Amino acid sequence: MQIGNRIIFDQDGKIIYQLGEMEGNVLPRKEITKLDYIDLEYEQIDYSKHRIIAIDTETRQPILEEVIREKTQEEYIQELENQILLLEDEKLGGGIL
């Protein structure tokens, strides 16, 4: 399948975004019958914890999904070290910490 470029533009004809052409095993594009927008306040959403997956068209509020971040190897090591220290502290009756 071949799909041509989709160009999104504002009320003055200024190009906002181009999706580009696609070829191969791609899904057809959905027909757009209406475009709208919302403006969010700066830092209204903590993008390190959430991502926007859609906009509720009735309330005009973003629908968020929690971002699940994998722990780094250093974080796992630190967590294990802390657990070992707590176990040793319990064995000695509170002598380490």
PDB file of N, CA and C in Angstrom:
ATOM      1  N   MET A   1       0.845  -1.179   0.000  1.00  0.00           N
ATOM      2  CA  MET A   1       0.000   0.000   0.000  1.00  0.00           C
ATOM      3  C   MET A   1       0.884   1.233   0.000  1.00  0.00           C
ATOM      4  N   GLN A   2       0.453   2.248  -0.684  1.00  0.00           N
ATOM      5  CA  GLN A   2       1.154   3.526  -0.714  1.00  0.00           C
ATOM      6  C   GLN A   2       0.220   4.606  -0.184  1.00  0.00           C
ATOM      7  N   ILE A   3       0.725   5.446   0.705  1.00  0.00           N
ATOM      8  CA  ILE A   3      -0.058   6.527   1.294  1.00  0.00           C
ATOM      9  C   ILE A   3       0.706   7.821   1.096  1.00  0.00           C
ATOM     10  N   GLY A   4       0.017   8.838   0.609  1.00  0.00           N
ATOM     11  CA  GLY A   4       0.644  10.137   0.377  1.00  0.00           C
ATOM     12  C   GLY A   4       0.811  10.942   1.651  1.00  0.00           C
ATOM     13  N   ASN A   5       1.489  12.056   1.527  1.00  0.00           N
ATOM     14  CA  ASN A   5       1.782  12.950   2.641  1.00  0.00           C
ATOM     15  C   ASN A   5       0.490  13.566   3.179  1.00  0.00           C
ATOM     16  N   ARG A   6       0.355  13.632   4.497  1.00  0.00           N
ATOM     17  CA  ARG A   6      -0.767  14.343   5.126  1.00  0.00           C
ATOM     18  C   ARG A   6      -0.186  15.599   5.761  1.00  0.00           C
ATOM     19  N   ILE A   7      -0.773  16.735   5.433  1.00  0.00           N
ATOM     20  CA  ILE A   7      -0.282  18.023   5.914  1.00  0.00           C
ATOM     21  C   ILE A   7      -1.365  18.650   6.793  1.00  0.00           C
ATOM     22  N   ILE A   8      -0.993  19.000   8.013  1.00  0.00           N
ATOM     23  CA  ILE A   8      -1.909  19.669   8.940  1.00  0.00           C
ATOM     24  C   ILE A   8      -1.514  21.139   8.984  1.00  0.00           C
ATOM     25  N   PHE A   9      -2.501  22.012   8.789  1.00  0.00           N
ATOM     26  CA  PHE A   9      -2.212  23.442   8.739  1.00  0.00           C
ATOM     27  C   PHE A   9      -3.244  24.222   9.530  1.00  0.00           C
ATOM     28  N   ASP A  10      -2.885  25.461   9.877  1.00  0.00           N
ATOM     29  CA  ASP A  10      -3.795  26.281  10.682  1.00  0.00           C
ATOM     30  C   ASP A  10      -4.757  27.079   9.798  1.00  0.00           C
ATOM     31  N   GLN A  11      -5.520  27.950  10.438  1.00  0.00           N
ATOM     32  CA  GLN A  11      -6.534  28.723   9.738  1.00  0.00           C
ATOM     33  C   GLN A  11      -5.952  29.674   8.701  1.00  0.00           C
ATOM     34  N   ASP A  12      -4.638  29.989   8.793  1.00  0.00           N
ATOM     35  CA  ASP A  12      -3.993  30.881   7.837  1.00  0.00           C
ATOM     36  C   ASP A  12      -3.243  30.129   6.746  1.00  0.00           C
ATOM     37  N   GLY A  13      -3.289  28.809   6.774  1.00  0.00           N
ATOM     38  CA  GLY A  13      -2.595  28.007   5.782  1.00  0.00           C
ATOM     39  C   GLY A  13      -1.161  27.662   6.157  1.00  0.00           C
ATOM     40  N   LYS A  14      -0.715  28.087   7.349  1.00  0.00           N
ATOM     41  CA  LYS A  14       0.642  27.772   7.796  1.00  0.00           C
ATOM     42  C   LYS A  14       0.702  26.295   8.185  1.00  0.00           C
ATOM     43  N   ILE A  15       1.723  25.600   7.673  1.00  0.00           N
ATOM     44  CA  ILE A  15       1.867  24.173   7.942  1.00  0.00           C
ATOM     45  C   ILE A  15       2.290  23.969   9.390  1.00  0.00           C
ATOM     46  N   ILE A  16       1.536  23.126  10.098  1.00  0.00           N
ATOM     47  CA  ILE A  16       1.815  22.807  11.487  1.00  0.00           C
ATOM     48  C   ILE A  16       2.618  21.517  11.577  1.00  0.00           C
ATOM     49  N   TYR A  17       2.225  20.513  10.773  1.00  0.00           N
ATOM     50  CA  TYR A  17       2.868  19.205  10.840  1.00  0.00           C
ATOM     51  C   TYR A  17       2.624  18.454   9.545  1.00  0.00           C
ATOM     52  N   GLN A  18       3.631  17.696   9.126  1.00  0.00           N
ATOM     53  CA  GLN A  18       3.496  16.827   7.962  1.00  0.00           C
ATOM     54  C   GLN A  18       3.770  15.397   8.391  1.00  0.00           C
ATOM     55  N   LEU A  19       2.917  14.491   8.007  1.00  0.00           N
ATOM     56  CA  LEU A  19       3.079  13.086   8.383  1.00  0.00           C
ATOM     57  C   LEU A  19       3.958  12.320   7.409  1.00  0.00           C
ATOM     58  N   GLY A  20       4.169  12.825   6.225  1.00  0.00           N
ATOM     59  CA  GLY A  20       5.046  12.177   5.262  1.00  0.00           C
ATOM     60  C   GLY A  20       4.364  11.040   4.511  1.00  0.00           C
ATOM     61  N   GLU A  21       5.051  10.559   3.479  1.00  0.00           N
ATOM     62  CA  GLU A  21       4.542   9.454   2.674  1.00  0.00           C
ATOM     63  C   GLU A  21       4.963   8.132   3.289  1.00  0.00           C
ATOM     64  N   MET A  22       4.153   7.089   3.032  1.00  0.00           N
ATOM     65  CA  MET A  22       4.460   5.746   3.538  1.00  0.00           C
ATOM     66  C   MET A  22       4.207   4.742   2.432  1.00  0.00           C
ATOM     67  N   GLU A  23       4.955   3.643   2.515  1.00  0.00           N
ATOM     68  CA  GLU A  23       4.800   2.589   1.528  1.00  0.00           C
ATOM     69  C   GLU A  23       5.074   1.258   2.201  1.00  0.00           C
ATOM     70  N   GLY A  24       4.371   0.247   1.768  1.00  0.00           N
ATOM     71  CA  GLY A  24       4.603  -1.084   2.313  1.00  0.00           C
ATOM     72  C   GLY A  24       3.407  -1.563   3.102  1.00  0.00           C
ATOM     73  N   ASN A  25       3.678  -2.283   4.186  1.00  0.00           N
ATOM     74  CA  ASN A  25       2.630  -2.864   5.011  1.00  0.00           C
ATOM     75  C   ASN A  25       2.188  -1.829   6.051  1.00  0.00           C
ATOM     76  N   VAL A  26       1.423  -0.831   5.619  1.00  0.00           N
ATOM     77  CA  VAL A  26       0.973   0.248   6.503  1.00  0.00           C
ATOM     78  C   VAL A  26      -0.546   0.276   6.540  1.00  0.00           C
ATOM     79  N   LEU A  27      -1.079   0.803   7.617  1.00  0.00           N
ATOM     80  CA  LEU A  27      -2.526   0.936   7.756  1.00  0.00           C
ATOM     81  C   LEU A  27      -2.998   2.208   7.066  1.00  0.00           C
ATOM     82  N   PRO A  28      -4.187   2.190   6.492  1.00  0.00           N
ATOM     83  CA  PRO A  28      -4.701   3.412   5.878  1.00  0.00           C
ATOM     84  C   PRO A  28      -4.958   4.469   6.941  1.00  0.00           C
ATOM     85  N   ARG A  29      -4.859   5.711   6.540  1.00  0.00           N
ATOM     86  CA  ARG A  29      -5.104   6.810   7.468  1.00  0.00           C
ATOM     87  C   ARG A  29      -6.591   7.026   7.663  1.00  0.00           C
ATOM     88  N   LYS A  30      -6.936   7.420   8.870  1.00  0.00           N
ATOM     89  CA  LYS A  30      -8.320   7.758   9.202  1.00  0.00           C
ATOM     90  C   LYS A  30      -8.654   9.121   8.601  1.00  0.00           C
ATOM     91  N   GLU A  31      -9.847   9.278   8.083  1.00  0.00           N
ATOM     92  CA  GLU A  31     -10.278  10.559   7.545  1.00  0.00           C
ATOM     93  C   GLU A  31     -10.472  11.542   8.692  1.00  0.00           C
ATOM     94  N   ILE A  32      -9.964  12.737   8.514  1.00  0.00           N
ATOM     95  CA  ILE A  32     -10.129  13.790   9.522  1.00  0.00           C
ATOM     96  C   ILE A  32     -11.303  14.655   9.101  1.00  0.00           C
ATOM     97  N   THR A  33     -12.299  14.767   9.991  1.00  0.00           N
ATOM     98  CA  THR A  33     -13.468  15.588   9.688  1.00  0.00           C
ATOM     99  C   THR A  33     -13.481  16.878  10.495  1.00  0.00           C
ATOM    100  N   LYS A  34     -12.644  16.973  11.530  1.00  0.00           N
ATOM    101  CA  LYS A  34     -12.580  18.179  12.354  1.00  0.00           C
ATOM    102  C   LYS A  34     -11.236  18.217  13.069  1.00  0.00           C
ATOM    103  N   LEU A  35     -10.643  19.391  13.143  1.00  0.00           N
ATOM    104  CA  LEU A  35      -9.424  19.594  13.929  1.00  0.00           C
ATOM    105  C   LEU A  35      -9.745  20.583  15.039  1.00  0.00           C
ATOM    106  N   ASP A  36      -9.133  20.382  16.187  1.00  0.00           N
ATOM    107  CA  ASP A  36      -9.312  21.269  17.327  1.00  0.00           C
ATOM    108  C   ASP A  36      -8.002  21.293  18.088  1.00  0.00           C
ATOM    109  N   TYR A  37      -7.916  22.062  19.124  1.00  0.00           N
ATOM    110  CA  TYR A  37      -6.702  22.099  19.931  1.00  0.00           C
ATOM    111  C   TYR A  37      -7.033  22.509  21.355  1.00  0.00           C
ATOM    112  N   ILE A  38      -6.078  22.229  22.246  1.00  0.00           N
ATOM    113  CA  ILE A  38      -6.125  22.755  23.608  1.00  0.00           C
ATOM    114  C   ILE A  38      -4.742  23.298  23.924  1.00  0.00           C
ATOM    115  N   ASP A  39      -4.682  24.260  24.809  1.00  0.00           N
ATOM    116  CA  ASP A  39      -3.411  24.795  25.306  1.00  0.00           C
ATOM    117  C   ASP A  39      -3.275  24.384  26.759  1.00  0.00           C
ATOM    118  N   LEU A  40      -2.161  23.753  27.091  1.00  0.00           N
ATOM    119  CA  LEU A  40      -1.875  23.368  28.473  1.00  0.00           C
ATOM    120  C   LEU A  40      -0.902  24.367  29.074  1.00  0.00           C
ATOM    121  N   GLU A  41      -0.996  24.567  30.365  1.00  0.00           N
ATOM    122  CA  GLU A  41      -0.054  25.427  31.067  1.00  0.00           C
ATOM    123  C   GLU A  41       1.316  24.754  31.078  1.00  0.00           C
ATOM    124  N   TYR A  42       2.365  25.575  31.119  1.00  0.00           N
ATOM    125  CA  TYR A  42       3.728  25.056  31.198  1.00  0.00           C
ATOM    126  C   TYR A  42       3.878  24.221  32.465  1.00  0.00           C
ATOM    127  N   GLU A  43       4.435  23.029  32.341  1.00  0.00           N
ATOM    128  CA  GLU A  43       4.657  22.066  33.420  1.00  0.00           C
ATOM    129  C   GLU A  43       3.358  21.629  34.091  1.00  0.00           C
ATOM    130  N   GLN A  44       2.225  21.741  33.392  1.00  0.00           N
ATOM    131  CA  GLN A  44       0.960  21.257  33.921  1.00  0.00           C
ATOM    132  C   GLN A  44       0.994  19.744  34.091  1.00  0.00           C
ATOM    133  N   ILE A  45       1.761  19.081  33.223  1.00  0.00           N
ATOM    134  CA  ILE A  45       1.892  17.623  33.271  1.00  0.00           C
ATOM    135  C   ILE A  45       3.358  17.284  33.468  1.00  0.00           C
ATOM    136  N   ASP A  46       3.631  16.381  34.394  1.00  0.00           N
ATOM    137  CA  ASP A  46       4.986  15.893  34.606  1.00  0.00           C
ATOM    138  C   ASP A  46       5.202  14.740  33.628  1.00  0.00           C
ATOM    139  N   TYR A  47       5.897  15.044  32.525  1.00  0.00           N
ATOM    140  CA  TYR A  47       6.074  14.061  31.458  1.00  0.00           C
ATOM    141  C   TYR A  47       7.023  12.931  31.836  1.00  0.00           C
ATOM    142  N   SER A  48       7.723  13.065  32.950  1.00  0.00           N
ATOM    143  CA  SER A  48       8.551  11.947  33.410  1.00  0.00           C
ATOM    144  C   SER A  48       7.687  10.901  34.120  1.00  0.00           C
ATOM    145  N   LYS A  49       6.455  11.277  34.506  1.00  0.00           N
ATOM    146  CA  LYS A  49       5.550  10.360  35.203  1.00  0.00           C
ATOM    147  C   LYS A  49       4.317   9.987  34.378  1.00  0.00           C
ATOM    148  N   HIS A  50       3.936  10.842  33.424  1.00  0.00           N
ATOM    149  CA  HIS A  50       2.729  10.605  32.642  1.00  0.00           C
ATOM    150  C   HIS A  50       2.968  10.938  31.173  1.00  0.00           C
ATOM    151  N   ARG A  51       2.134  10.341  30.322  1.00  0.00           N
ATOM    152  CA  ARG A  51       2.122  10.727  28.917  1.00  0.00           C
ATOM    153  C   ARG A  51       0.667  10.921  28.509  1.00  0.00           C
ATOM    154  N   ILE A  52       0.471  11.794  27.544  1.00  0.00           N
ATOM    155  CA  ILE A  52      -0.878  12.071  27.063  1.00  0.00           C
ATOM    156  C   ILE A  52      -1.221  11.028  26.011  1.00  0.00           C
ATOM    157  N   ILE A  53      -2.336  10.318  26.222  1.00  0.00           N
ATOM    158  CA  ILE A  53      -2.730   9.301  25.248  1.00  0.00           C
ATOM    159  C   ILE A  53      -3.914   9.749  24.405  1.00  0.00           C
ATOM    160  N   ALA A  54      -4.653  10.756  24.861  1.00  0.00           N
ATOM    161  CA  ALA A  54      -5.799  11.269  24.110  1.00  0.00           C
ATOM    162  C   ALA A  54      -6.298  12.533  24.793  1.00  0.00           C
ATOM    163  N   ILE A  55      -7.293  13.145  24.173  1.00  0.00           N
ATOM    164  CA  ILE A  55      -7.971  14.309  24.751  1.00  0.00           C
ATOM    165  C   ILE A  55      -9.447  13.965  24.876  1.00  0.00           C
ATOM    166  N   ASP A  56     -10.003  14.192  26.054  1.00  0.00           N
ATOM    167  CA  ASP A  56     -11.437  13.998  26.247  1.00  0.00           C
ATOM    168  C   ASP A  56     -12.142  15.140  25.518  1.00  0.00           C
ATOM    169  N   THR A  57     -12.890  14.815  24.465  1.00  0.00           N
ATOM    170  CA  THR A  57     -13.499  15.851  23.633  1.00  0.00           C
ATOM    171  C   THR A  57     -14.613  16.606  24.342  1.00  0.00           C
ATOM    172  N   GLU A  58     -15.204  16.020  25.364  1.00  0.00           N
ATOM    173  CA  GLU A  58     -16.269  16.721  26.099  1.00  0.00           C
ATOM    174  C   GLU A  58     -15.702  17.691  27.121  1.00  0.00           C
ATOM    175  N   THR A  59     -14.714  17.241  27.906  1.00  0.00           N
ATOM    176  CA  THR A  59     -14.142  18.097  28.951  1.00  0.00           C
ATOM    177  C   THR A  59     -12.951  18.910  28.447  1.00  0.00           C
ATOM    178  N   ARG A  60     -12.413  18.523  27.279  1.00  0.00           N
ATOM    179  CA  ARG A  60     -11.228  19.164  26.689  1.00  0.00           C
ATOM    180  C   ARG A  60     -10.016  19.050  27.617  1.00  0.00           C
ATOM    181  N   GLN A  61      -9.943  17.953  28.349  1.00  0.00           N
ATOM    182  CA  GLN A  61      -8.829  17.695  29.251  1.00  0.00           C
ATOM    183  C   GLN A  61      -8.021  16.510  28.722  1.00  0.00           C
ATOM    184  N   PRO A  62      -6.702  16.527  28.948  1.00  0.00           N
ATOM    185  CA  PRO A  62      -5.892  15.398  28.488  1.00  0.00           C
ATOM    186  C   PRO A  62      -6.187  14.132  29.296  1.00  0.00           C
ATOM    187  N   ILE A  63      -6.142  13.010  28.616  1.00  0.00           N
ATOM    188  CA  ILE A  63      -6.254  11.706  29.263  1.00  0.00           C
ATOM    189  C   ILE A  63      -4.828  11.186  29.398  1.00  0.00           C
ATOM    190  N   LEU A  64      -4.430  10.905  30.639  1.00  0.00           N
ATOM    191  CA  LEU A  64      -3.044  10.556  30.931  1.00  0.00           C
ATOM    192  C   LEU A  64      -2.887   9.066  31.191  1.00  0.00           C
ATOM    193  N   GLU A  65      -1.680   8.596  30.922  1.00  0.00           N
ATOM    194  CA  GLU A  65      -1.296   7.226  31.248  1.00  0.00           C
ATOM    195  C   GLU A  65       0.021   7.315  32.012  1.00  0.00           C
ATOM    196  N   GLU A  66       0.124   6.544  33.076  1.00  0.00           N
ATOM    197  CA  GLU A  66       1.340   6.563  33.879  1.00  0.00           C
ATOM    198  C   GLU A  66       2.493   5.928  33.106  1.00  0.00           C
ATOM    199  N   VAL A  67       3.645   6.576  33.163  1.00  0.00           N
ATOM    200  CA  VAL A  67       4.849   6.052  32.522  1.00  0.00           C
ATOM    201  C   VAL A  67       5.527   5.121  33.516  1.00  0.00           C
ATOM    202  N   ILE A  68       5.744   3.890  33.108  1.00  0.00           N
ATOM    203  CA  ILE A  68       6.435   2.924  33.962  1.00  0.00           C
ATOM    204  C   ILE A  68       7.895   2.901  33.536  1.00  0.00           C
ATOM    205  N   ARG A  69       8.736   3.358  34.445  1.00  0.00           N
ATOM    206  CA  ARG A  69      10.158   3.466  34.148  1.00  0.00           C
ATOM    207  C   ARG A  69      10.894   2.283  34.765  1.00  0.00           C
ATOM    208  N   GLU A  70      11.695   1.624  33.950  1.00  0.00           N
ATOM    209  CA  GLU A  70      12.498   0.517  34.433  1.00  0.00           C
ATOM    210  C   GLU A  70      13.637   1.055  35.297  1.00  0.00           C
ATOM    211  N   LYS A  71      13.951   0.340  36.361  1.00  0.00           N
ATOM    212  CA  LYS A  71      15.065   0.741  37.216  1.00  0.00           C
ATOM    213  C   LYS A  71      16.377   0.464  36.492  1.00  0.00           C
ATOM    214  N   THR A  72      17.351   1.347  36.730  1.00  0.00           N
ATOM    215  CA  THR A  72      18.680   1.134  36.159  1.00  0.00           C
ATOM    216  C   THR A  72      19.419   0.109  37.015  1.00  0.00           C
ATOM    217  N   GLN A  73      20.505  -0.408  36.471  1.00  0.00           N
ATOM    218  CA  GLN A  73      21.314  -1.376  37.203  1.00  0.00           C
ATOM    219  C   GLN A  73      21.836  -0.756  38.498  1.00  0.00           C
ATOM    220  N   GLU A  74      22.205   0.519  38.451  1.00  0.00           N
ATOM    221  CA  GLU A  74      22.705   1.201  39.646  1.00  0.00           C
ATOM    222  C   GLU A  74      21.615   1.299  40.715  1.00  0.00           C
ATOM    223  N   GLU A  75      20.366   1.543  40.292  1.00  0.00           N
ATOM    224  CA  GLU A  75      19.264   1.626  41.247  1.00  0.00           C
ATOM    225  C   GLU A  75      18.994   0.270  41.899  1.00  0.00           C
ATOM    226  N   TYR A  76      19.078  -0.809  41.105  1.00  0.00           N
ATOM    227  CA  TYR A  76      18.907  -2.145  41.674  1.00  0.00           C
ATOM    228  C   TYR A  76      20.006  -2.453  42.692  1.00  0.00           C
ATOM    229  N   ILE A  77      21.242  -2.106  42.366  1.00  0.00           N
ATOM    230  CA  ILE A  77      22.368  -2.348  43.270  1.00  0.00           C
ATOM    231  C   ILE A  77      22.186  -1.556  44.559  1.00  0.00           C
ATOM    232  N   GLN A  78      21.796  -0.278  44.452  1.00  0.00           N
ATOM    233  CA  GLN A  78      21.578   0.558  45.633  1.00  0.00           C
ATOM    234  C   GLN A  78      20.470  -0.018  46.506  1.00  0.00           C
ATOM    235  N   GLU A  79      19.396  -0.498  45.877  1.00  0.00           N
ATOM    236  CA  GLU A  79      18.283  -1.082  46.615  1.00  0.00           C
ATOM    237  C   GLU A  79      18.732  -2.340  47.363  1.00  0.00           C
ATOM    238  N   LEU A  80      19.518  -3.187  46.712  1.00  0.00           N
ATOM    239  CA  LEU A  80      20.021  -4.404  47.359  1.00  0.00           C
ATOM    240  C   LEU A  80      20.967  -4.074  48.505  1.00  0.00           C
ATOM    241  N   GLU A  81      21.839  -3.083  48.297  1.00  0.00           N
ATOM    242  CA  GLU A  81      22.749  -2.673  49.366  1.00  0.00           C
ATOM    243  C   GLU A  81      21.968  -2.174  50.577  1.00  0.00           C
ATOM    244  N   ASN A  82      20.917  -1.412  50.344  1.00  0.00           N
ATOM    245  CA  ASN A  82      20.095  -0.913  51.443  1.00  0.00           C
ATOM    246  C   ASN A  82      19.413  -2.060  52.183  1.00  0.00           C
ATOM    247  N   GLN A  83      18.923  -3.051  51.452  1.00  0.00           N
ATOM    248  CA  GLN A  83      18.282  -4.198  52.078  1.00  0.00           C
ATOM    249  C   GLN A  83      19.272  -4.986  52.930  1.00  0.00           C
ATOM    250  N   ILE A  84      20.489  -5.150  52.428  1.00  0.00           N
ATOM    251  CA  ILE A  84      21.524  -5.864  53.189  1.00  0.00           C
ATOM    252  C   ILE A  84      21.850  -5.116  54.473  1.00  0.00           C
ATOM    253  N   LEU A  85      21.992  -3.790  54.367  1.00  0.00           N
ATOM    254  CA  LEU A  85      22.284  -2.990  55.562  1.00  0.00           C
ATOM    255  C   LEU A  85      21.164  -3.093  56.588  1.00  0.00           C
ATOM    256  N   LEU A  86      19.924  -3.058  56.153  1.00  0.00           N
ATOM    257  CA  LEU A  86      18.805  -3.176  57.084  1.00  0.00           C
ATOM    258  C   LEU A  86      18.768  -4.555  57.746  1.00  0.00           C
ATOM    259  N   LEU A  87      19.036  -5.611  56.981  1.00  0.00           N
ATOM    260  CA  LEU A  87      19.063  -6.962  57.550  1.00  0.00           C
ATOM    261  C   LEU A  87      20.180  -7.111  58.583  1.00  0.00           C
ATOM    262  N   GLU A  88      21.353  -6.584  58.271  1.00  0.00           N
ATOM    263  CA  GLU A  88      22.478  -6.662  59.207  1.00  0.00           C
ATOM    264  C   GLU A  88      22.192  -5.843  60.471  1.00  0.00           C
ATOM    265  N   ASP A  89      21.533  -4.698  60.289  1.00  0.00           N
ATOM    266  CA  ASP A  89      21.167  -3.873  61.422  1.00  0.00           C
ATOM    267  C   ASP A  89      20.195  -4.615  62.343  1.00  0.00           C
ATOM    268  N   GLU A  90      19.247  -5.337  61.732  1.00  0.00           N
ATOM    269  CA  GLU A  90      18.298  -6.119  62.533  1.00  0.00           C
ATOM    270  C   GLU A  90      19.007  -7.248  63.288  1.00  0.00           C
ATOM    271  N   LYS A  91      19.981  -7.899  62.636  1.00  0.00           N
ATOM    272  CA  LYS A  91      20.723  -9.011  63.264  1.00  0.00           C
ATOM    273  C   LYS A  91      21.489  -8.520  64.487  1.00  0.00           C
ATOM    274  N   LEU A  92      22.073  -7.334  64.381  1.00  0.00           N
ATOM    275  CA  LEU A  92      22.887  -6.813  65.474  1.00  0.00           C
ATOM    276  C   LEU A  92      22.080  -5.996  66.479  1.00  0.00           C
ATOM    277  N   GLY A  93      20.781  -5.971  66.295  1.00  0.00           N
ATOM    278  CA  GLY A  93      19.934  -5.258  67.238  1.00  0.00           C
ATOM    279  C   GLY A  93      20.047  -3.760  67.155  1.00  0.00           C
ATOM    280  N   GLY A  94      20.262  -3.250  65.957  1.00  0.00           N
ATOM    281  CA  GLY A  94      20.306  -1.798  65.770  1.00  0.00           C
ATOM    282  C   GLY A  94      21.685  -1.214  65.901  1.00  0.00           C
ATOM    283  N   GLY A  95      22.718  -2.004  65.693  1.00  0.00           N
ATOM    284  CA  GLY A  95      24.081  -1.506  65.877  1.00  0.00           C
ATOM    285  C   GLY A  95      24.705  -0.826  64.676  1.00  0.00           C
ATOM    286  N   ILE A  96      24.229  -1.076  63.476  1.00  0.00           N
ATOM    287  CA  ILE A  96      24.866  -0.494  62.285  1.00  0.00           C
ATOM    288  C   ILE A  96      24.278   0.869  61.960  1.00  0.00           C
ATOM    289  N   LEU A  97      22.973   0.936  61.913  1.00  0.00           N
ATOM    290  CA  LEU A  97      22.332   2.194  61.483  1.00  0.00           C
ATOM    291  C   LEU A  97      21.902   3.030  62.655  1.00  0.00           C
TER     292      LEU A  97
END
